[in-house]
PDB file of all heavy atoms in Angstrom:
ATOM      1  N   ARG A   1     -58.674  -6.295   0.622  1.00  0.00           N
ATOM      2  CA  ARG A   1     -57.239  -6.037   0.405  1.00  0.00           C
ATOM      3  C   ARG A   1     -56.866  -4.546   0.430  1.00  0.00           C
ATOM      4  O   ARG A   1     -55.845  -4.177   1.005  1.00  0.00           O
ATOM      5  CB  ARG A   1     -56.793  -6.705  -0.903  1.00  0.00           C
ATOM      6  CG  ARG A   1     -55.308  -7.031  -0.915  1.00  0.00           C
ATOM      7  CD  ARG A   1     -54.937  -7.860  -2.131  1.00  0.00           C
ATOM      8  NE  ARG A   1     -55.200  -9.266  -1.955  1.00  0.00           N
ATOM      9  CZ  ARG A   1     -55.661 -10.072  -2.900  1.00  0.00           C
ATOM     10  NH1 ARG A   1     -55.947  -9.619  -4.088  1.00  0.00           N
ATOM     11  NH2 ARG A   1     -55.849 -11.358  -2.652  1.00  0.00           N
ATOM     12  N   PRO A   2     -57.664  -3.656  -0.181  1.00  0.00           N
ATOM     13  CA  PRO A   2     -57.274  -2.237  -0.167  1.00  0.00           C
ATOM     14  C   PRO A   2     -57.300  -1.595   1.226  1.00  0.00           C
ATOM     15  O   PRO A   2     -56.747  -0.514   1.418  1.00  0.00           O
ATOM     16  CB  PRO A   2     -58.325  -1.566  -1.076  1.00  0.00           C
ATOM     17  CG  PRO A   2     -58.942  -2.673  -1.865  1.00  0.00           C
ATOM     18  CD  PRO A   2     -58.885  -3.876  -0.993  1.00  0.00           C
ATOM     19  N   TYR A   3     -57.949  -2.254   2.188  1.00  0.00           N
ATOM     20  CA  TYR A   3     -58.171  -1.628   3.498  1.00  0.00           C
ATOM     21  C   TYR A   3     -57.339  -2.248   4.627  1.00  0.00           C
ATOM     22  O   TYR A   3     -57.414  -1.793   5.766  1.00  0.00           O
ATOM     23  CB  TYR A   3     -59.663  -1.724   3.871  1.00  0.00           C
ATOM     24  CG  TYR A   3     -60.570  -1.144   2.822  1.00  0.00           C
ATOM     25  CD1 TYR A   3     -61.221  -1.973   1.906  1.00  0.00           C
ATOM     26  CD2 TYR A   3     -60.755   0.238   2.712  1.00  0.00           C
ATOM     27  CE1 TYR A   3     -62.043  -1.447   0.919  1.00  0.00           C
ATOM     28  CE2 TYR A   3     -61.577   0.767   1.729  1.00  0.00           C
ATOM     29  CZ  TYR A   3     -62.219  -0.077   0.837  1.00  0.00           C
ATOM     30  OH  TYR A   3     -63.033   0.452  -0.154  1.00  0.00           O
ATOM     31  N   ILE A   4     -56.570  -3.288   4.316  1.00  0.00           N
ATOM     32  CA  ILE A   4     -55.791  -3.974   5.357  1.00  0.00           C
ATOM     33  C   ILE A   4     -54.311  -4.018   4.972  1.00  0.00           C
ATOM     34  O   ILE A   4     -53.956  -3.774   3.819  1.00  0.00           O
ATOM     35  CB  ILE A   4     -56.291  -5.418   5.598  1.00  0.00           C
ATOM     36  CG1 ILE A   4     -56.156  -6.255   4.305  1.00  0.00           C
ATOM     37  CG2 ILE A   4     -57.719  -5.433   6.111  1.00  0.00           C
ATOM     38  CD1 ILE A   4     -56.255  -7.750   4.494  1.00  0.00           C
ATOM     39  N   HIS A   5     -53.466  -4.338   5.935  1.00  0.00           N
ATOM     40  CA  HIS A   5     -52.060  -4.623   5.648  1.00  0.00           C
ATOM     41  C   HIS A   5     -51.905  -6.111   5.351  1.00  0.00           C
ATOM     42  O   HIS A   5     -52.563  -6.933   5.992  1.00  0.00           O
ATOM     43  CB  HIS A   5     -51.166  -4.304   6.859  1.00  0.00           C
ATOM     44  CG  HIS A   5     -51.112  -2.857   7.221  1.00  0.00           C
ATOM     45  ND1 HIS A   5     -51.119  -1.841   6.285  1.00  0.00           N
ATOM     46  CD2 HIS A   5     -51.035  -2.250   8.441  1.00  0.00           C
ATOM     47  CE1 HIS A   5     -51.057  -0.680   6.901  1.00  0.00           C
ATOM     48  NE2 HIS A   5     -51.010  -0.896   8.207  1.00  0.00           N
ATOM     49  N   ARG A   6     -51.035  -6.444   4.402  1.00  0.00           N
ATOM     50  CA  ARG A   6     -50.583  -7.830   4.278  1.00  0.00           C
ATOM     51  C   ARG A   6     -49.420  -7.965   5.258  1.00  0.00           C
ATOM     52  O   ARG A   6     -48.318  -7.503   4.999  1.00  0.00           O
ATOM     53  CB  ARG A   6     -50.146  -8.161   2.852  1.00  0.00           C
ATOM     54  CG  ARG A   6     -49.813  -9.649   2.701  1.00  0.00           C
ATOM     55  CD  ARG A   6     -49.396 -10.023   1.295  1.00  0.00           C
ATOM     56  NE  ARG A   6     -49.067 -11.431   1.258  1.00  0.00           N
ATOM     57  CZ  ARG A   6     -49.798 -12.372   0.678  1.00  0.00           C
ATOM     58  NH1 ARG A   6     -50.911 -12.048   0.050  1.00  0.00           N
ATOM     59  NH2 ARG A   6     -49.432 -13.639   0.704  1.00  0.00           N
ATOM     60  N   THR A   7     -49.679  -8.575   6.384  1.00  0.00           N
ATOM     61  CA  THR A   7     -48.697  -8.598   7.468  1.00  0.00           C
ATOM     62  C   THR A   7     -47.581  -9.601   7.179  1.00  0.00           C
ATOM     63  O   THR A   7     -47.790 -10.595   6.498  1.00  0.00           O
ATOM     64  CB  THR A   7     -49.381  -8.945   8.799  1.00  0.00           C
ATOM     65  OG1 THR A   7     -50.123 -10.161   8.638  1.00  0.00           O
ATOM     66  CG2 THR A   7     -50.312  -7.836   9.240  1.00  0.00           C
ATOM     67  N   PRO A   8     -46.382  -9.349   7.715  1.00  0.00           N
ATOM     68  CA  PRO A   8     -45.254 -10.231   7.428  1.00  0.00           C
ATOM     69  C   PRO A   8     -45.345 -11.572   8.161  1.00  0.00           C
ATOM     70  O   PRO A   8     -46.059 -11.694   9.162  1.00  0.00           O
ATOM     71  CB  PRO A   8     -44.052  -9.430   7.929  1.00  0.00           C
ATOM     72  CG  PRO A   8     -44.602  -8.516   8.968  1.00  0.00           C
ATOM     73  CD  PRO A   8     -45.996  -8.188   8.536  1.00  0.00           C
ATOM     74  N   VAL A   9     -44.601 -12.552   7.637  1.00  0.00           N
ATOM     75  CA  VAL A   9     -44.421 -13.842   8.310  1.00  0.00           C
ATOM     76  C   VAL A   9     -42.959 -13.895   8.762  1.00  0.00           C
ATOM     77  O   VAL A   9     -42.049 -13.819   7.934  1.00  0.00           O
ATOM     78  CB  VAL A   9     -44.736 -15.023   7.370  1.00  0.00           C
ATOM     79  CG1 VAL A   9     -44.464 -16.354   8.062  1.00  0.00           C
ATOM     80  CG2 VAL A   9     -46.182 -14.949   6.886  1.00  0.00           C
ATOM     81  N   LEU A  10     -42.743 -13.969  10.073  1.00  0.00           N
ATOM     82  CA  LEU A  10     -41.387 -13.930  10.620  1.00  0.00           C
ATOM     83  C   LEU A  10     -40.941 -15.300  11.122  1.00  0.00           C
ATOM     84  O   LEU A  10     -41.773 -16.127  11.523  1.00  0.00           O
ATOM     85  CB  LEU A  10     -41.302 -12.925  11.773  1.00  0.00           C
ATOM     86  CG  LEU A  10     -41.619 -11.458  11.454  1.00  0.00           C
ATOM     87  CD1 LEU A  10     -41.405 -10.595  12.691  1.00  0.00           C
ATOM     88  CD2 LEU A  10     -40.777 -10.935  10.297  1.00  0.00           C
ATOM     89  N   VAL A  11     -39.648 -15.536  11.077  1.00  0.00           N
ATOM     90  CA  VAL A  11     -39.068 -16.787  11.593  1.00  0.00           C
ATOM     91  C   VAL A  11     -37.917 -16.453  12.536  1.00  0.00           C
ATOM     92  O   VAL A  11     -37.334 -15.373  12.456  1.00  0.00           O
ATOM     93  CB  VAL A  11     -38.565 -17.710  10.454  1.00  0.00           C
ATOM     94  CG1 VAL A  11     -39.715 -18.183   9.582  1.00  0.00           C
ATOM     95  CG2 VAL A  11     -37.508 -17.005   9.604  1.00  0.00           C
ATOM     96  N   SER A  12     -37.608 -17.399  13.411  1.00  0.00           N
ATOM     97  CA  SER A  12     -36.493 -17.231  14.344  1.00  0.00           C
ATOM     98  C   SER A  12     -35.791 -18.572  14.514  1.00  0.00           C
ATOM     99  O   SER A  12     -36.401 -19.531  14.999  1.00  0.00           O
ATOM    100  CB  SER A  12     -37.001 -16.733  15.702  1.00  0.00           C
ATOM    101  OG  SER A  12     -36.028 -16.954  16.709  1.00  0.00           O
ATOM    102  N   SER A  13     -34.526 -18.642  14.134  1.00  0.00           N
ATOM    103  CA  SER A  13     -33.789 -19.904  14.261  1.00  0.00           C
ATOM    104  C   SER A  13     -33.655 -20.308  15.729  1.00  0.00           C
ATOM    105  O   SER A  13     -33.697 -21.498  16.065  1.00  0.00           O
ATOM    106  CB  SER A  13     -32.413 -19.799  13.597  1.00  0.00           C
ATOM    107  OG  SER A  13     -31.700 -18.689  14.093  1.00  0.00           O
ATOM    108  N   LEU A  14     -33.534 -19.321  16.614  1.00  0.00           N
ATOM    109  CA  LEU A  14     -33.412 -19.632  18.033  1.00  0.00           C
ATOM    110  C   LEU A  14     -34.707 -20.258  18.574  1.00  0.00           C
ATOM    111  O   LEU A  14     -34.668 -21.250  19.307  1.00  0.00           O
ATOM    112  CB  LEU A  14     -33.072 -18.382  18.839  1.00  0.00           C
ATOM    113  CG  LEU A  14     -32.868 -18.709  20.320  1.00  0.00           C
ATOM    114  CD1 LEU A  14     -31.419 -18.554  20.724  1.00  0.00           C
ATOM    115  CD2 LEU A  14     -33.754 -17.869  21.197  1.00  0.00           C
ATOM    116  N   LEU A  15     -35.849 -19.697  18.198  1.00  0.00           N
ATOM    117  CA  LEU A  15     -37.126 -20.241  18.669  1.00  0.00           C
ATOM    118  C   LEU A  15     -37.418 -21.600  18.028  1.00  0.00           C
ATOM    119  O   LEU A  15     -38.045 -22.462  18.656  1.00  0.00           O
ATOM    120  CB  LEU A  15     -38.264 -19.252  18.417  1.00  0.00           C
ATOM    121  CG  LEU A  15     -38.170 -17.920  19.188  1.00  0.00           C
ATOM    122  CD1 LEU A  15     -39.387 -17.057  18.936  1.00  0.00           C
ATOM    123  CD2 LEU A  15     -37.974 -18.144  20.680  1.00  0.00           C
ATOM    124  N   ASN A  16     -36.963 -21.783  16.787  1.00  0.00           N
ATOM    125  CA  ASN A  16     -37.082 -23.105  16.156  1.00  0.00           C
ATOM    126  C   ASN A  16     -36.313 -24.147  16.967  1.00  0.00           C
ATOM    127  O   ASN A  16     -36.805 -25.247  17.227  1.00  0.00           O
ATOM    128  CB  ASN A  16     -36.534 -23.078  14.722  1.00  0.00           C
ATOM    129  CG  ASN A  16     -37.444 -22.338  13.760  1.00  0.00           C
ATOM    130  OD1 ASN A  16     -38.597 -22.052  14.082  1.00  0.00           O
ATOM    131  ND2 ASN A  16     -36.937 -22.013  12.593  1.00  0.00           N
ATOM    132  N   LYS A  17     -35.113 -23.784  17.352  1.00  0.00           N
ATOM    133  CA  LYS A  17     -34.258 -24.697  18.119  1.00  0.00           C
ATOM    134  C   LYS A  17     -34.873 -25.002  19.479  1.00  0.00           C
ATOM    135  O   LYS A  17     -34.907 -26.142  19.939  1.00  0.00           O
ATOM    136  CB  LYS A  17     -32.879 -24.045  18.288  1.00  0.00           C
ATOM    137  CG  LYS A  17     -31.795 -24.978  18.793  1.00  0.00           C
ATOM    138  CD  LYS A  17     -30.454 -24.240  18.812  1.00  0.00           C
ATOM    139  CE  LYS A  17     -29.387 -25.103  19.480  1.00  0.00           C
ATOM    140  NZ  LYS A  17     -28.111 -24.376  19.599  1.00  0.00           N
ATOM    141  N   LEU A  18     -35.391 -23.965  20.096  1.00  0.00           N
ATOM    142  CA  LEU A  18     -35.992 -24.084  21.427  1.00  0.00           C
ATOM    143  C   LEU A  18     -37.240 -24.976  21.421  1.00  0.00           C
ATOM    144  O   LEU A  18     -37.473 -25.745  22.353  1.00  0.00           O
ATOM    145  CB  LEU A  18     -36.363 -22.687  21.926  1.00  0.00           C
ATOM    146  CG  LEU A  18     -36.623 -22.484  23.406  1.00  0.00           C
ATOM    147  CD1 LEU A  18     -35.348 -22.683  24.208  1.00  0.00           C
ATOM    148  CD2 LEU A  18     -37.181 -21.092  23.642  1.00  0.00           C
ATOM    149  N   SER A  19     -38.007 -24.866  20.356  1.00  0.00           N
ATOM    150  CA  SER A  19     -39.284 -25.596  20.280  1.00  0.00           C
ATOM    151  C   SER A  19     -39.171 -26.936  19.551  1.00  0.00           C
ATOM    152  O   SER A  19     -40.071 -27.771  19.637  1.00  0.00           O
ATOM    153  CB  SER A  19     -40.331 -24.725  19.575  1.00  0.00           C
ATOM    154  OG  SER A  19     -39.895 -24.412  18.258  1.00  0.00           O
ATOM    155  N   GLY A  20     -38.088 -27.131  18.797  1.00  0.00           N
ATOM    156  CA  GLY A  20     -37.919 -28.374  18.053  1.00  0.00           C
ATOM    157  C   GLY A  20     -38.796 -28.473  16.826  1.00  0.00           C
ATOM    158  O   GLY A  20     -39.031 -29.552  16.290  1.00  0.00           O
ATOM    159  N   THR A  21     -39.308 -27.335  16.363  1.00  0.00           N
ATOM    160  CA  THR A  21     -40.163 -27.314  15.176  1.00  0.00           C
ATOM    161  C   THR A  21     -39.838 -26.076  14.346  1.00  0.00           C
ATOM    162  O   THR A  21     -39.223 -25.132  14.850  1.00  0.00           O
ATOM    163  CB  THR A  21     -41.658 -27.328  15.561  1.00  0.00           C
ATOM    164  OG1 THR A  21     -42.467 -27.352  14.390  1.00  0.00           O
ATOM    165  CG2 THR A  21     -42.058 -26.123  16.385  1.00  0.00           C
ATOM    166  N   GLN A  22     -40.223 -26.077  13.080  1.00  0.00           N
ATOM    167  CA  GLN A  22     -40.061 -24.896  12.218  1.00  0.00           C
ATOM    168  C   GLN A  22     -41.268 -23.991  12.430  1.00  0.00           C
ATOM    169  O   GLN A  22     -42.390 -24.368  12.090  1.00  0.00           O
ATOM    170  CB  GLN A  22     -40.004 -25.327  10.748  1.00  0.00           C
ATOM    171  CG  GLN A  22     -38.711 -25.982  10.331  1.00  0.00           C
ATOM    172  CD  GLN A  22     -37.634 -24.948  10.056  1.00  0.00           C
ATOM    173  OE1 GLN A  22     -36.554 -25.004  10.603  1.00  0.00           O
ATOM    174  NE2 GLN A  22     -37.921 -23.991   9.195  1.00  0.00           N
ATOM    175  N   LEU A  23     -41.046 -22.820  12.994  1.00  0.00           N
ATOM    176  CA  LEU A  23     -42.146 -21.915  13.313  1.00  0.00           C
ATOM    177  C   LEU A  23     -42.234 -20.761  12.314  1.00  0.00           C
ATOM    178  O   LEU A  23     -41.215 -20.177  11.944  1.00  0.00           O
ATOM    179  CB  LEU A  23     -41.961 -21.343  14.728  1.00  0.00           C
ATOM    180  CG  LEU A  23     -42.072 -22.349  15.878  1.00  0.00           C
ATOM    181  CD1 LEU A  23     -41.616 -21.705  17.178  1.00  0.00           C
ATOM    182  CD2 LEU A  23     -43.499 -22.868  16.011  1.00  0.00           C
ATOM    183  N   TYR A  24     -43.462 -20.456  11.921  1.00  0.00           N
ATOM    184  CA  TYR A  24     -43.726 -19.338  11.008  1.00  0.00           C
ATOM    185  C   TYR A  24     -44.786 -18.456  11.668  1.00  0.00           C
ATOM    186  O   TYR A  24     -45.946 -18.860  11.805  1.00  0.00           O
ATOM    187  CB  TYR A  24     -44.200 -19.845   9.646  1.00  0.00           C
ATOM    188  CG  TYR A  24     -43.180 -20.747   8.983  1.00  0.00           C
ATOM    189  CD1 TYR A  24     -43.182 -22.128   9.228  1.00  0.00           C
ATOM    190  CD2 TYR A  24     -42.195 -20.228   8.154  1.00  0.00           C
ATOM    191  CE1 TYR A  24     -42.224 -22.948   8.648  1.00  0.00           C
ATOM    192  CE2 TYR A  24     -41.232 -21.048   7.569  1.00  0.00           C
ATOM    193  CZ  TYR A  24     -41.259 -22.409   7.826  1.00  0.00           C
ATOM    194  OH  TYR A  24     -40.308 -23.218   7.257  1.00  0.00           O
ATOM    195  N   PHE A  25     -44.374 -17.264  12.100  1.00  0.00           N
ATOM    196  CA  PHE A  25     -45.258 -16.372  12.847  1.00  0.00           C
ATOM    197  C   PHE A  25     -45.936 -15.371  11.903  1.00  0.00           C
ATOM    198  O   PHE A  25     -45.262 -14.509  11.329  1.00  0.00           O
ATOM    199  CB  PHE A  25     -44.471 -15.618  13.908  1.00  0.00           C
ATOM    200  CG  PHE A  25     -43.897 -16.491  14.993  1.00  0.00           C
ATOM    201  CD1 PHE A  25     -42.585 -16.954  14.913  1.00  0.00           C
ATOM    202  CD2 PHE A  25     -44.659 -16.848  16.099  1.00  0.00           C
ATOM    203  CE1 PHE A  25     -42.047 -17.752  15.916  1.00  0.00           C
ATOM    204  CE2 PHE A  25     -44.130 -17.647  17.106  1.00  0.00           C
ATOM    205  CZ  PHE A  25     -42.829 -18.105  17.015  1.00  0.00           C
ATOM    206  N   LYS A  26     -47.252 -15.473  11.763  1.00  0.00           N
ATOM    207  CA  LYS A  26     -48.027 -14.513  10.974  1.00  0.00           C
ATOM    208  C   LYS A  26     -48.366 -13.329  11.876  1.00  0.00           C
ATOM    209  O   LYS A  26     -49.154 -13.443  12.820  1.00  0.00           O
ATOM    210  CB  LYS A  26     -49.300 -15.182  10.438  1.00  0.00           C
ATOM    211  CG  LYS A  26     -50.234 -14.261   9.654  1.00  0.00           C
ATOM    212  CD  LYS A  26     -49.621 -13.748   8.370  1.00  0.00           C
ATOM    213  CE  LYS A  26     -50.680 -13.028   7.521  1.00  0.00           C
ATOM    214  NZ  LYS A  26     -50.052 -12.212   6.462  1.00  0.00           N
ATOM    215  N   CYS A  27     -47.768 -12.177  11.584  1.00  0.00           N
ATOM    216  CA  CYS A  27     -47.759 -11.052  12.535  1.00  0.00           C
ATOM    217  C   CYS A  27     -48.958 -10.120  12.393  1.00  0.00           C
ATOM    218  O   CYS A  27     -48.837  -8.984  11.911  1.00  0.00           O
ATOM    219  CB  CYS A  27     -46.457 -10.283  12.392  1.00  0.00           C
ATOM    220  SG  CYS A  27     -45.032 -11.257  12.895  1.00  0.00           S
ATOM    221  N   GLU A  28     -50.115 -10.572  12.867  1.00  0.00           N
ATOM    222  CA  GLU A  28     -51.299  -9.712  12.858  1.00  0.00           C
ATOM    223  C   GLU A  28     -51.235  -8.636  13.942  1.00  0.00           C
ATOM    224  O   GLU A  28     -52.077  -7.740  13.974  1.00  0.00           O
ATOM    225  CB  GLU A  28     -52.566 -10.549  12.994  1.00  0.00           C
ATOM    226  CG  GLU A  28     -52.916 -11.324  11.735  1.00  0.00           C
ATOM    227  CD  GLU A  28     -53.227 -10.408  10.556  1.00  0.00           C
ATOM    228  OE1 GLU A  28     -54.267  -9.731  10.579  1.00  0.00           O
ATOM    229  OE2 GLU A  28     -52.422 -10.365   9.605  1.00  0.00           O
ATOM    230  N   ASN A  29     -50.224  -8.708  14.800  1.00  0.00           N
ATOM    231  CA  ASN A  29     -49.958  -7.599  15.721  1.00  0.00           C
ATOM    232  C   ASN A  29     -49.519  -6.352  14.960  1.00  0.00           C
ATOM    233  O   ASN A  29     -49.578  -5.240  15.477  1.00  0.00           O
ATOM    234  CB  ASN A  29     -48.887  -7.994  16.745  1.00  0.00           C
ATOM    235  CG  ASN A  29     -47.592  -8.457  16.097  1.00  0.00           C
ATOM    236  OD1 ASN A  29     -47.608  -9.247  15.150  1.00  0.00           O
ATOM    237  ND2 ASN A  29     -46.467  -7.996  16.596  1.00  0.00           N
ATOM    238  N   LEU A  30     -49.110  -6.532  13.704  1.00  0.00           N
ATOM    239  CA  LEU A  30     -48.705  -5.399  12.854  1.00  0.00           C
ATOM    240  C   LEU A  30     -49.810  -4.987  11.877  1.00  0.00           C
ATOM    241  O   LEU A  30     -49.588  -4.197  10.969  1.00  0.00           O
ATOM    242  CB  LEU A  30     -47.427  -5.758  12.084  1.00  0.00           C
ATOM    243  CG  LEU A  30     -46.222  -6.143  12.949  1.00  0.00           C
ATOM    244  CD1 LEU A  30     -45.043  -6.550  12.084  1.00  0.00           C
ATOM    245  CD2 LEU A  30     -45.826  -5.003  13.884  1.00  0.00           C
ATOM    246  N   GLN A  31     -51.007  -5.550  12.079  1.00  0.00           N
ATOM    247  CA  GLN A  31     -52.169  -5.189  11.260  1.00  0.00           C
ATOM    248  C   GLN A  31     -52.635  -3.773  11.612  1.00  0.00           C
ATOM    249  O   GLN A  31     -52.303  -3.255  12.688  1.00  0.00           O
ATOM    250  CB  GLN A  31     -53.297  -6.209  11.506  1.00  0.00           C
ATOM    251  CG  GLN A  31     -54.530  -6.065  10.626  1.00  0.00           C
ATOM    252  CD  GLN A  31     -54.202  -6.062   9.142  1.00  0.00           C
ATOM    253  OE1 GLN A  31     -54.110  -4.997   8.525  1.00  0.00           O
ATOM    254  NE2 GLN A  31     -53.991  -7.244   8.575  1.00  0.00           N
ATOM    255  N   ARG A  32     -53.402  -3.141  10.739  1.00  0.00           N
ATOM    256  CA  ARG A  32     -54.017  -1.847  11.085  1.00  0.00           C
ATOM    257  C   ARG A  32     -54.820  -2.008  12.363  1.00  0.00           C
ATOM    258  O   ARG A  32     -55.485  -2.997  12.562  1.00  0.00           O
ATOM    259  CB  ARG A  32     -54.942  -1.366   9.959  1.00  0.00           C
ATOM    260  CG  ARG A  32     -54.220  -0.927   8.710  1.00  0.00           C
ATOM    261  CD  ARG A  32     -55.210  -0.372   7.685  1.00  0.00           C
ATOM    262  NE  ARG A  32     -55.721   0.949   8.084  1.00  0.00           N
ATOM    263  CZ  ARG A  32     -56.841   1.496   7.598  1.00  0.00           C
ATOM    264  NH1 ARG A  32     -57.578   0.840   6.715  1.00  0.00           N
ATOM    265  NH2 ARG A  32     -57.220   2.699   7.994  1.00  0.00           N
ATOM    266  N   MET A  33     -54.777  -1.053  13.239  1.00  0.00           N
ATOM    267  CA  MET A  33     -55.318  -1.008  14.594  1.00  0.00           C
ATOM    268  C   MET A  33     -54.757  -2.100  15.504  1.00  0.00           C
ATOM    269  O   MET A  33     -55.147  -2.255  16.642  1.00  0.00           O
ATOM    270  CB  MET A  33     -56.862  -0.971  14.678  1.00  0.00           C
ATOM    271  CG  MET A  33     -57.710  -2.004  14.013  1.00  0.00           C
ATOM    272  SD  MET A  33     -57.667  -3.699  14.615  1.00  0.00           S
ATOM    273  CE  MET A  33     -58.015  -3.567  16.341  1.00  0.00           C
TER     274      MET A  33
END
């Protein structure tokens, strides 16, 4: 925990509508490195 980011979980109502499901994106693209 002291060495990593706790990355956000993002949602998009438009992408939910497009996919027909409730999507929760865990953004490890925003992790360190």
